Amino acid sequence: MTIGIVLDPMYKIDLLDYFFPQIYGELSICEIGKVKILFKDLVREYEMNMKGKKLVSSCQNPNINVC
């Protein structure tokens, strides 16, 4: 059970929600948003690569602005 909790992405997001306010204070909402967008982009890129297509990451897309 412990290994499942460590590997489950849902719990990792919960940890971000808990620890980032302690680390970043008022900027935590922005930082959490950046991480969540990165996670979503990674999943999309993985899915597209599995389908044989290539996806441009948001890090290369100047139109995405989190804050």
PDB file of N, CA and C in Angstrom:
ATOM      1  N   MET A   1       0.820  -1.191   0.000  1.00  0.00           N
ATOM      2  CA  MET A   1       0.000   0.000   0.000  1.00  0.00           C
ATOM      3  C   MET A   1       0.863   1.254   0.000  1.00  0.00           C
ATOM      4  N   THR A   2       1.933   1.265   0.747  1.00  0.00           N
ATOM      5  CA  THR A   2       2.802   2.439   0.824  1.00  0.00           C
ATOM      6  C   THR A   2       3.427   2.758  -0.523  1.00  0.00           C
ATOM      7  N   ILE A   3       3.850   1.762  -1.253  1.00  0.00           N
ATOM      8  CA  ILE A   3       4.450   1.991  -2.568  1.00  0.00           C
ATOM      9  C   ILE A   3       3.425   2.596  -3.511  1.00  0.00           C
ATOM     10  N   GLY A   4       2.194   2.130  -3.454  1.00  0.00           N
ATOM     11  CA  GLY A   4       1.138   2.689  -4.295  1.00  0.00           C
ATOM     12  C   GLY A   4       0.911   4.166  -4.027  1.00  0.00           C
ATOM     13  N   ILE A   5       0.964   4.554  -2.778  1.00  0.00           N
ATOM     14  CA  ILE A   5       0.780   5.959  -2.418  1.00  0.00           C
ATOM     15  C   ILE A   5       1.937   6.797  -2.947  1.00  0.00           C
ATOM     16  N   VAL A   6       3.139   6.291  -2.854  1.00  0.00           N
ATOM     17  CA  VAL A   6       4.311   7.032  -3.331  1.00  0.00           C
ATOM     18  C   VAL A   6       4.264   7.204  -4.842  1.00  0.00           C
ATOM     19  N   LEU A   7       3.798   6.197  -5.561  1.00  0.00           N
ATOM     20  CA  LEU A   7       3.807   6.242  -7.012  1.00  0.00           C
ATOM     21  C   LEU A   7       2.556   6.862  -7.624  1.00  0.00           C
ATOM     22  N   ASP A   8       1.495   6.985  -6.873  1.00  0.00           N
ATOM     23  CA  ASP A   8       0.236   7.502  -7.403  1.00  0.00           C
ATOM     24  C   ASP A   8       0.325   9.019  -7.603  1.00  0.00           C
ATOM     25  N   PRO A   9       0.148   9.493  -8.854  1.00  0.00           N
ATOM     26  CA  PRO A   9       0.260  10.934  -9.129  1.00  0.00           C
ATOM     27  C   PRO A   9      -0.746  11.783  -8.362  1.00  0.00           C
ATOM     28  N   MET A  10      -1.910  11.232  -8.058  1.00  0.00           N
ATOM     29  CA  MET A  10      -2.914  12.000  -7.329  1.00  0.00           C
ATOM     30  C   MET A  10      -2.372  12.436  -5.961  1.00  0.00           C
ATOM     31  N   TYR A  11      -1.666  11.548  -5.286  1.00  0.00           N
ATOM     32  CA  TYR A  11      -1.111  11.884  -3.982  1.00  0.00           C
ATOM     33  C   TYR A  11       0.036  12.879  -4.105  1.00  0.00           C
ATOM     34  N   LYS A  12       0.757  12.825  -5.209  1.00  0.00           N
ATOM     35  CA  LYS A  12       1.839  13.791  -5.417  1.00  0.00           C
ATOM     36  C   LYS A  12       1.273  15.197  -5.578  1.00  0.00           C
ATOM     37  N   ILE A  13       0.139  15.328  -6.244  1.00  0.00           N
ATOM     38  CA  ILE A  13      -0.516  16.629  -6.374  1.00  0.00           C
ATOM     39  C   ILE A  13      -0.978  17.112  -4.997  1.00  0.00           C
ATOM     40  N   ASP A  14      -1.494  16.211  -4.186  1.00  0.00           N
ATOM     41  CA  ASP A  14      -1.900  16.582  -2.831  1.00  0.00           C
ATOM     42  C   ASP A  14      -0.709  17.083  -2.019  1.00  0.00           C
ATOM     43  N   LEU A  15       0.451  16.463  -2.230  1.00  0.00           N
ATOM     44  CA  LEU A  15       1.653  16.921  -1.533  1.00  0.00           C
ATOM     45  C   LEU A  15       2.053  18.322  -1.991  1.00  0.00           C
ATOM     46  N   LEU A  16       1.900  18.587  -3.290  1.00  0.00           N
ATOM     47  CA  LEU A  16       2.169  19.943  -3.788  1.00  0.00           C
ATOM     48  C   LEU A  16       1.251  20.945  -3.105  1.00  0.00           C
ATOM     49  N   ASP A  17      -0.028  20.603  -3.038  1.00  0.00           N
ATOM     50  CA  ASP A  17      -0.998  21.502  -2.414  1.00  0.00           C
ATOM     51  C   ASP A  17      -0.671  21.747  -0.934  1.00  0.00           C
ATOM     52  N   TYR A  18      -0.039  20.792  -0.299  1.00  0.00           N
ATOM     53  CA  TYR A  18       0.299  20.946   1.115  1.00  0.00           C
ATOM     54  C   TYR A  18       1.623  21.706   1.316  1.00  0.00           C
ATOM     55  N   PHE A  19       2.676  21.289   0.580  1.00  0.00           N
ATOM     56  CA  PHE A  19       4.004  21.830   0.845  1.00  0.00           C
ATOM     57  C   PHE A  19       4.314  23.138   0.120  1.00  0.00           C
ATOM     58  N   PHE A  20       3.778  23.357  -1.071  1.00  0.00           N
ATOM     59  CA  PHE A  20       4.135  24.571  -1.810  1.00  0.00           C
ATOM     60  C   PHE A  20       3.745  25.856  -1.073  1.00  0.00           C
ATOM     61  N   PRO A  21       2.592  25.942  -0.412  1.00  0.00           N
ATOM     62  CA  PRO A  21       2.311  27.167   0.353  1.00  0.00           C
ATOM     63  C   PRO A  21       3.337  27.414   1.459  1.00  0.00           C
ATOM     64  N   GLN A  22       3.859  26.351   2.025  1.00  0.00           N
ATOM     65  CA  GLN A  22       4.874  26.508   3.064  1.00  0.00           C
ATOM     66  C   GLN A  22       6.201  26.991   2.469  1.00  0.00           C
ATOM     67  N   ILE A  23       6.485  26.553   1.245  1.00  0.00           N
ATOM     68  CA  ILE A  23       7.747  26.906   0.604  1.00  0.00           C
ATOM     69  C   ILE A  23       7.654  28.267  -0.090  1.00  0.00           C
ATOM     70  N   TYR A  24       6.600  28.477  -0.890  1.00  0.00           N
ATOM     71  CA  TYR A  24       6.506  29.655  -1.742  1.00  0.00           C
ATOM     72  C   TYR A  24       5.594  30.749  -1.196  1.00  0.00           C
ATOM     73  N   GLY A  25       4.843  30.476  -0.149  1.00  0.00           N
ATOM     74  CA  GLY A  25       3.943  31.484   0.410  1.00  0.00           C
ATOM     75  C   GLY A  25       2.865  31.891  -0.583  1.00  0.00           C
ATOM     76  N   GLU A  26       2.736  33.189  -0.818  1.00  0.00           N
ATOM     77  CA  GLU A  26       1.692  33.706  -1.707  1.00  0.00           C
ATOM     78  C   GLU A  26       1.889  33.284  -3.161  1.00  0.00           C
ATOM     79  N   LEU A  27       3.103  32.962  -3.549  1.00  0.00           N
ATOM     80  CA  LEU A  27       3.383  32.546  -4.924  1.00  0.00           C
ATOM     81  C   LEU A  27       3.039  31.080  -5.175  1.00  0.00           C
ATOM     82  N   SER A  28       2.591  30.378  -4.150  1.00  0.00           N
ATOM     83  CA  SER A  28       2.364  28.935  -4.286  1.00  0.00           C
ATOM     84  C   SER A  28       1.304  28.600  -5.328  1.00  0.00           C
ATOM     85  N   ILE A  29       0.264  29.410  -5.445  1.00  0.00           N
ATOM     86  CA  ILE A  29      -0.794  29.123  -6.422  1.00  0.00           C
ATOM     87  C   ILE A  29      -0.224  29.129  -7.837  1.00  0.00           C
ATOM     88  N   CYS A  30       0.616  30.108  -8.116  1.00  0.00           N
ATOM     89  CA  CYS A  30       1.254  30.206  -9.429  1.00  0.00           C
ATOM     90  C   CYS A  30       2.178  29.008  -9.674  1.00  0.00           C
ATOM     91  N   GLU A  31       2.977  28.668  -8.676  1.00  0.00           N
ATOM     92  CA  GLU A  31       3.927  27.566  -8.821  1.00  0.00           C
ATOM     93  C   GLU A  31       3.206  26.227  -8.973  1.00  0.00           C
ATOM     94  N   ILE A  32       2.138  26.013  -8.222  1.00  0.00           N
ATOM     95  CA  ILE A  32       1.355  24.784  -8.357  1.00  0.00           C
ATOM     96  C   ILE A  32       0.749  24.712  -9.749  1.00  0.00           C
ATOM     97  N   GLY A  33       0.254  25.833 -10.254  1.00  0.00           N
ATOM     98  CA  GLY A  33      -0.300  25.874 -11.611  1.00  0.00           C
ATOM     99  C   GLY A  33       0.730  25.489 -12.654  1.00  0.00           C
ATOM    100  N   LYS A  34       1.952  25.980 -12.501  1.00  0.00           N
ATOM    101  CA  LYS A  34       3.025  25.638 -13.445  1.00  0.00           C
ATOM    102  C   LYS A  34       3.299  24.136 -13.449  1.00  0.00           C
ATOM    103  N   VAL A  35       3.357  23.556 -12.253  1.00  0.00           N
ATOM    104  CA  VAL A  35       3.643  22.119 -12.142  1.00  0.00           C
ATOM    105  C   VAL A  35       2.504  21.300 -12.737  1.00  0.00           C
ATOM    106  N   LYS A  36       1.265  21.698 -12.467  1.00  0.00           N
ATOM    107  CA  LYS A  36       0.120  20.956 -13.007  1.00  0.00           C
ATOM    108  C   LYS A  36       0.082  21.027 -14.522  1.00  0.00           C
ATOM    109  N   ILE A  37       0.393  22.186 -15.088  1.00  0.00           N
ATOM    110  CA  ILE A  37       0.450  22.312 -16.551  1.00  0.00           C
ATOM    111  C   ILE A  37       1.551  21.430 -17.104  1.00  0.00           C
ATOM    112  N   LEU A  38       2.694  21.405 -16.442  1.00  0.00           N
ATOM    113  CA  LEU A  38       3.792  20.551 -16.882  1.00  0.00           C
ATOM    114  C   LEU A  38       3.385  19.087 -16.859  1.00  0.00           C
ATOM    115  N   PHE A  39       2.720  18.655 -15.787  1.00  0.00           N
ATOM    116  CA  PHE A  39       2.249  17.271 -15.700  1.00  0.00           C
ATOM    117  C   PHE A  39       1.295  16.935 -16.846  1.00  0.00           C
ATOM    118  N   LYS A  40       0.344  17.831 -17.102  1.00  0.00           N
ATOM    119  CA  LYS A  40      -0.623  17.601 -18.179  1.00  0.00           C
ATOM    120  C   LYS A  40       0.072  17.541 -19.532  1.00  0.00           C
ATOM    121  N   ASP A  41       1.044  18.431 -19.751  1.00  0.00           N
ATOM    122  CA  ASP A  41       1.791  18.423 -21.007  1.00  0.00           C
ATOM    123  C   ASP A  41       2.586  17.134 -21.186  1.00  0.00           C
ATOM    124  N   LEU A  42       3.171  16.657 -20.093  1.00  0.00           N
ATOM    125  CA  LEU A  42       3.931  15.406 -20.166  1.00  0.00           C
ATOM    126  C   LEU A  42       3.027  14.234 -20.526  1.00  0.00           C
ATOM    127  N   VAL A  43       1.845  14.198 -19.937  1.00  0.00           N
ATOM    128  CA  VAL A  43       0.902  13.117 -20.249  1.00  0.00           C
ATOM    129  C   VAL A  43       0.469  13.208 -21.706  1.00  0.00           C
ATOM    130  N   ARG A  44       0.133  14.427 -22.167  1.00  0.00           N
ATOM    131  CA  ARG A  44      -0.266  14.591 -23.575  1.00  0.00           C
ATOM    132  C   ARG A  44       0.855  14.193 -24.519  1.00  0.00           C
ATOM    133  N   GLU A  45       2.081  14.612 -24.202  1.00  0.00           N
ATOM    134  CA  GLU A  45       3.217  14.268 -25.055  1.00  0.00           C
ATOM    135  C   GLU A  45       3.429  12.758 -25.096  1.00  0.00           C
ATOM    136  N   TYR A  46       3.307  12.117 -23.955  1.00  0.00           N
ATOM    137  CA  TYR A  46       3.440  10.665 -23.895  1.00  0.00           C
ATOM    138  C   TYR A  46       2.361   9.992 -24.738  1.00  0.00           C
ATOM    139  N   GLU A  47       1.117  10.459 -24.589  1.00  0.00           N
ATOM    140  CA  GLU A  47       0.021   9.875 -25.364  1.00  0.00           C
ATOM    141  C   GLU A  47       0.239  10.045 -26.855  1.00  0.00           C
ATOM    142  N   MET A  48       0.688  11.224 -27.247  1.00  0.00           N
ATOM    143  CA  MET A  48       0.917  11.485 -28.669  1.00  0.00           C
ATOM    144  C   MET A  48       2.073  10.632 -29.198  1.00  0.00           C
ATOM    145  N   ASN A  49       3.122  10.482 -28.398  1.00  0.00           N
ATOM    146  CA  ASN A  49       4.249   9.645 -28.822  1.00  0.00           C
ATOM    147  C   ASN A  49       3.832   8.187 -28.943  1.00  0.00           C
ATOM    148  N   MET A  50       2.922   7.769 -28.100  1.00  0.00           N
ATOM    149  CA  MET A  50       2.433   6.402 -28.184  1.00  0.00           C
ATOM    150  C   MET A  50       1.596   6.200 -29.448  1.00  0.00           C
ATOM    151  N   LYS A  51       1.006   7.258 -29.949  1.00  0.00           N
ATOM    152  CA  LYS A  51       0.216   7.179 -31.180  1.00  0.00           C
ATOM    153  C   LYS A  51       1.067   7.462 -32.411  1.00  0.00           C
ATOM    154  N   GLY A  52       2.354   7.694 -32.215  1.00  0.00           N
ATOM    155  CA  GLY A  52       3.246   7.933 -33.341  1.00  0.00           C
ATOM    156  C   GLY A  52       3.265   9.371 -33.816  1.00  0.00           C
ATOM    157  N   LYS A  53       2.736  10.269 -33.019  1.00  0.00           N
ATOM    158  CA  LYS A  53       2.729  11.676 -33.379  1.00  0.00           C
ATOM    159  C   LYS A  53       3.650  12.430 -32.431  1.00  0.00           C
ATOM    160  N   LYS A  54       4.010  13.632 -32.826  1.00  0.00           N
ATOM    161  CA  LYS A  54       4.868  14.449 -31.987  1.00  0.00           C
ATOM    162  C   LYS A  54       4.099  15.691 -31.557  1.00  0.00           C
ATOM    163  N   LEU A  55       4.203  16.038 -30.276  1.00  0.00           N
ATOM    164  CA  LEU A  55       3.490  17.183 -29.714  1.00  0.00           C
ATOM    165  C   LEU A  55       4.504  18.199 -29.218  1.00  0.00           C
ATOM    166  N   VAL A  56       4.219  19.476 -29.444  1.00  0.00           N
ATOM    167  CA  VAL A  56       5.093  20.534 -28.955  1.00  0.00           C
ATOM    168  C   VAL A  56       4.764  20.783 -27.491  1.00  0.00           C
ATOM    169  N   SER A  57       5.763  20.774 -26.660  1.00  0.00           N
ATOM    170  CA  SER A  57       5.585  21.000 -25.228  1.00  0.00           C
ATOM    171  C   SER A  57       5.225  22.447 -24.958  1.00  0.00           C
ATOM    172  N   SER A  58       4.520  22.695 -23.844  1.00  0.00           N
ATOM    173  CA  SER A  58       4.157  24.064 -23.490  1.00  0.00           C
ATOM    174  C   SER A  58       5.395  24.884 -23.156  1.00  0.00           C
ATOM    175  N   CYS A  59       6.481  24.226 -22.787  1.00  0.00           N
ATOM    176  CA  CYS A  59       7.713  24.956 -22.504  1.00  0.00           C
ATOM    177  C   CYS A  59       8.235  25.621 -23.771  1.00  0.00           C
ATOM    178  N   GLN A  60       7.906  25.056 -24.918  1.00  0.00           N
ATOM    179  CA  GLN A  60       8.322  25.624 -26.189  1.00  0.00           C
ATOM    180  C   GLN A  60       7.238  26.530 -26.768  1.00  0.00           C
ATOM    181  N   ASN A  61       6.087  26.585 -26.110  1.00  0.00           N
ATOM    182  CA  ASN A  61       4.977  27.392 -26.593  1.00  0.00           C
ATOM    183  C   ASN A  61       4.930  28.718 -25.833  1.00  0.00           C
ATOM    184  N   PRO A  62       5.290  29.820 -26.477  1.00  0.00           N
ATOM    185  CA  PRO A  62       5.344  31.111 -25.758  1.00  0.00           C
ATOM    186  C   PRO A  62       3.974  31.676 -25.419  1.00  0.00           C
ATOM    187  N   ASN A  63       2.877  31.083 -25.916  1.00  0.00           N
ATOM    188  CA  ASN A  63       1.538  31.605 -25.687  1.00  0.00           C
ATOM    189  C   ASN A  63       0.956  31.207 -24.344  1.00  0.00           C
ATOM    190  N   ILE A  64       1.586  30.287 -23.614  1.00  0.00           N
ATOM    191  CA  ILE A  64       1.061  29.839 -22.333  1.00  0.00           C
ATOM    192  C   ILE A  64       1.638  30.712 -21.236  1.00  0.00           C
ATOM    193  N   ASN A  65       0.736  31.328 -20.467  1.00  0.00           N
ATOM    194  CA  ASN A  65       1.130  32.190 -19.370  1.00  0.00           C
ATOM    195  C   ASN A  65       0.334  31.780 -18.137  1.00  0.00           C
ATOM    196  N   VAL A  66       1.001  31.299 -17.125  1.00  0.00           N
ATOM    197  CA  VAL A  66       0.335  30.797 -15.933  1.00  0.00           C
ATOM    198  C   VAL A  66      -0.031  31.943 -14.994  1.00  0.00           C
ATOM    199  N   CYS A  67       0.872  32.871 -14.783  1.00  0.00           N
ATOM    200  CA  CYS A  67       0.656  33.946 -13.800  1.00  0.00           C
ATOM    201  C   CYS A  67       0.423  35.274 -14.484  1.00  0.00           C
TER     202      CYS A  67
END
